[in-house]
Amino acid sequence: MNNTAVPASPAAVWQTLLTYLLQQHYGLTLNDTEFSDERVIEACLCRGVSLCEALNAFAQKYALVRTDRRNNGITEPSHGITATDILRARKATGLITHHSSHATRRPVTV
């Protein structure tokens, strides 16, 4: 019996990451956004838009404020998602693990 996992589609990976990022950083669910429609994600992928670009455009369009950051009064708070946030989301959702090898991971535009 082969226990090899079927690789997730890029759209499924996006939905997993978006679910985590939206909840963690904006207090939203995937169903609160247009990203719950896989066709929206597929359109982003076809246009070469990264997950980071798509989510930050959504956040800017709706003037979302990150709920996980406090304004320290010194600098303007950043409302956008960073590559570091996405890396943390990939780890938190199990999309990458400490034992993953670079050769077995499929590249996904983020």
C-alpha atoms as a PDB file:
ATOM      1  CA  MET A   1       0.000   0.000   0.000  1.00  0.00           C
ATOM      2  CA  ASN A   2       1.343   3.403  -1.000  1.00  0.00           C
ATOM      3  CA  ASN A   3       0.992   6.054   1.729  1.00  0.00           C
ATOM      4  CA  THR A   4       2.220   8.882  -0.477  1.00  0.00           C
ATOM      5  CA  ALA A   5       0.095  11.984  -0.028  1.00  0.00           C
ATOM      6  CA  VAL A   6      -1.392  13.553  -3.120  1.00  0.00           C
ATOM      7  CA  PRO A   7       0.068  17.037  -3.514  1.00  0.00           C
ATOM      8  CA  ALA A   8      -2.477  19.785  -2.892  1.00  0.00           C
ATOM      9  CA  SER A   9      -3.410  22.031  -5.780  1.00  0.00           C
ATOM     10  CA  PRO A  10      -2.005  25.568  -5.674  1.00  0.00           C
ATOM     11  CA  ALA A  11      -5.542  26.904  -5.090  1.00  0.00           C
ATOM     12  CA  ALA A  12      -6.006  24.540  -2.129  1.00  0.00           C
ATOM     13  CA  VAL A  13      -2.669  25.685  -0.687  1.00  0.00           C
ATOM     14  CA  TRP A  14      -3.779  29.313  -1.062  1.00  0.00           C
ATOM     15  CA  GLN A  15      -7.068  28.579   0.701  1.00  0.00           C
ATOM     16  CA  THR A  16      -5.249  26.875   3.567  1.00  0.00           C
ATOM     17  CA  LEU A  17      -2.833  29.774   3.962  1.00  0.00           C
ATOM     18  CA  LEU A  18      -5.531  32.422   3.547  1.00  0.00           C
ATOM     19  CA  THR A  19      -7.704  30.743   6.167  1.00  0.00           C
ATOM     20  CA  TYR A  20      -4.838  30.962   8.651  1.00  0.00           C
ATOM     21  CA  LEU A  21      -3.625  34.447   7.675  1.00  0.00           C
ATOM     22  CA  LEU A  22      -7.081  36.028   7.654  1.00  0.00           C
ATOM     23  CA  GLN A  23      -7.941  34.619  11.072  1.00  0.00           C
ATOM     24  CA  GLN A  24      -4.549  35.273  12.640  1.00  0.00           C
ATOM     25  CA  HIS A  25      -3.970  38.794  11.344  1.00  0.00           C
ATOM     26  CA  TYR A  26      -7.396  40.270  10.573  1.00  0.00           C
ATOM     27  CA  GLY A  27      -9.884  38.231  12.615  1.00  0.00           C
ATOM     28  CA  LEU A  28     -11.753  37.164   9.462  1.00  0.00           C
ATOM     29  CA  THR A  29     -12.782  33.811   8.063  1.00  0.00           C
ATOM     30  CA  LEU A  30     -12.171  32.745   4.493  1.00  0.00           C
ATOM     31  CA  ASN A  31     -15.939  32.915   3.912  1.00  0.00           C
ATOM     32  CA  ASP A  32     -15.822  36.641   4.807  1.00  0.00           C
ATOM     33  CA  THR A  33     -13.808  37.225   1.624  1.00  0.00           C
ATOM     34  CA  GLU A  34     -13.956  36.657  -2.099  1.00  0.00           C
ATOM     35  CA  PHE A  35     -11.150  34.112  -1.664  1.00  0.00           C
ATOM     36  CA  SER A  36     -13.701  31.528  -0.543  1.00  0.00           C
ATOM     37  CA  ASP A  37     -14.484  31.220  -4.265  1.00  0.00           C
ATOM     38  CA  GLU A  38     -11.724  29.076  -5.744  1.00  0.00           C
ATOM     39  CA  ARG A  39     -12.239  30.803  -9.114  1.00  0.00           C
ATOM     40  CA  VAL A  40     -10.951  34.055  -7.601  1.00  0.00           C
ATOM     41  CA  ILE A  41      -7.782  32.287  -6.499  1.00  0.00           C
ATOM     42  CA  GLU A  42      -7.405  30.558  -9.879  1.00  0.00           C
ATOM     43  CA  ALA A  43      -7.687  33.965 -11.585  1.00  0.00           C
ATOM     44  CA  CYS A  44      -4.901  35.330  -9.364  1.00  0.00           C
ATOM     45  CA  LEU A  45      -2.726  32.324 -10.153  1.00  0.00           C
ATOM     46  CA  CYS A  46      -3.359  32.677 -13.905  1.00  0.00           C
ATOM     47  CA  ARG A  47      -2.383  36.364 -13.774  1.00  0.00           C
ATOM     48  CA  GLY A  48       0.772  35.582 -11.806  1.00  0.00           C
ATOM     49  CA  VAL A  49      -0.397  37.474  -8.716  1.00  0.00           C
ATOM     50  CA  SER A  50       1.238  36.209  -5.551  1.00  0.00           C
ATOM     51  CA  LEU A  51      -0.729  35.326  -2.433  1.00  0.00           C
ATOM     52  CA  CYS A  52       0.981  38.190  -0.624  1.00  0.00           C
ATOM     53  CA  GLU A  53       0.016  40.685  -3.349  1.00  0.00           C
ATOM     54  CA  ALA A  54      -3.570  39.415  -3.512  1.00  0.00           C
ATOM     55  CA  LEU A  55      -4.115  39.492   0.244  1.00  0.00           C
ATOM     56  CA  ASN A  56      -2.487  42.901   0.645  1.00  0.00           C
ATOM     57  CA  ALA A  57      -4.621  44.328  -2.201  1.00  0.00           C
ATOM     58  CA  PHE A  58      -7.717  42.927  -0.465  1.00  0.00           C
ATOM     59  CA  ALA A  59      -6.626  44.425   2.867  1.00  0.00           C
ATOM     60  CA  GLN A  60      -5.970  47.795   1.253  1.00  0.00           C
ATOM     61  CA  LYS A  61      -9.260  47.754  -0.702  1.00  0.00           C
ATOM     62  CA  TYR A  62     -11.269  47.235   2.485  1.00  0.00           C
ATOM     63  CA  ALA A  63      -8.947  49.257   4.768  1.00  0.00           C
ATOM     64  CA  LEU A  64      -8.328  46.239   6.988  1.00  0.00           C
ATOM     65  CA  VAL A  65      -6.254  46.750  10.101  1.00  0.00           C
ATOM     66  CA  ARG A  66      -4.125  43.953  11.447  1.00  0.00           C
ATOM     67  CA  THR A  67      -5.437  42.836  14.802  1.00  0.00           C
ATOM     68  CA  ASP A  68      -2.162  41.200  15.802  1.00  0.00           C
ATOM     69  CA  ARG A  69      -0.103  44.396  15.928  1.00  0.00           C
ATOM     70  CA  ARG A  70      -0.184  47.371  18.222  1.00  0.00           C
ATOM     71  CA  ASN A  71       0.727  50.868  17.166  1.00  0.00           C
ATOM     72  CA  ASN A  72       3.687  51.799  19.339  1.00  0.00           C
ATOM     73  CA  GLY A  73       3.315  55.483  18.474  1.00  0.00           C
ATOM     74  CA  ILE A  74       6.742  55.634  16.848  1.00  0.00           C
ATOM     75  CA  THR A  75       5.904  54.408  13.375  1.00  0.00           C
ATOM     76  CA  GLU A  76       2.784  53.969  11.313  1.00  0.00           C
ATOM     77  CA  PRO A  77       1.526  50.410  11.756  1.00  0.00           C
ATOM     78  CA  SER A  78       1.898  48.106   8.786  1.00  0.00           C
ATOM     79  CA  HIS A  79      -1.381  46.600   7.656  1.00  0.00           C
ATOM     80  CA  GLY A  80       0.117  44.298   5.044  1.00  0.00           C
ATOM     81  CA  ILE A  81       1.157  40.684   5.146  1.00  0.00           C
ATOM     82  CA  THR A  82       4.857  39.928   4.685  1.00  0.00           C
ATOM     83  CA  ALA A  83       6.776  36.950   3.347  1.00  0.00           C
ATOM     84  CA  THR A  84       7.654  36.153   6.968  1.00  0.00           C
ATOM     85  CA  ASP A  85       3.949  36.010   7.853  1.00  0.00           C
ATOM     86  CA  ILE A  86       3.398  33.570   4.988  1.00  0.00           C
ATOM     87  CA  LEU A  87       6.347  31.414   6.054  1.00  0.00           C
ATOM     88  CA  ARG A  88       4.939  31.263   9.588  1.00  0.00           C
ATOM     89  CA  ALA A  89       1.529  30.351   8.160  1.00  0.00           C
ATOM     90  CA  ARG A  90       3.077  27.557   6.070  1.00  0.00           C
ATOM     91  CA  LYS A  91       4.700  26.155   9.208  1.00  0.00           C
ATOM     92  CA  ALA A  92       1.583  26.584  11.367  1.00  0.00           C
ATOM     93  CA  THR A  93      -0.644  24.847   8.817  1.00  0.00           C
ATOM     94  CA  GLY A  94       1.784  21.974   8.280  1.00  0.00           C
ATOM     95  CA  LEU A  95       2.486  22.864   4.660  1.00  0.00           C
ATOM     96  CA  ILE A  96       6.175  22.787   5.514  1.00  0.00           C
ATOM     97  CA  THR A  97       7.791  20.952   8.357  1.00  0.00           C
ATOM     98  CA  HIS A  98      11.216  20.857   9.887  1.00  0.00           C
ATOM     99  CA  HIS A  99      11.813  17.492   8.220  1.00  0.00           C
ATOM    100  CA  SER A 100      10.632  18.522   4.748  1.00  0.00           C
ATOM    101  CA  SER A 101      13.281  18.391   2.086  1.00  0.00           C
ATOM    102  CA  HIS A 102      13.518  21.069  -0.560  1.00  0.00           C
ATOM    103  CA  ALA A 103      13.306  18.419  -3.257  1.00  0.00           C
ATOM    104  CA  THR A 104       9.886  17.166  -2.167  1.00  0.00           C
ATOM    105  CA  ARG A 105       8.140  20.518  -1.806  1.00  0.00           C
ATOM    106  CA  ARG A 106       6.249  21.885  -4.778  1.00  0.00           C
ATOM    107  CA  PRO A 107       6.835  25.569  -5.417  1.00  0.00           C
ATOM    108  CA  VAL A 108       3.700  27.677  -5.002  1.00  0.00           C
ATOM    109  CA  THR A 109       3.512  31.367  -5.770  1.00  0.00           C
ATOM    110  CA  VAL A 110       3.006  33.180  -2.472  1.00  0.00           C
END
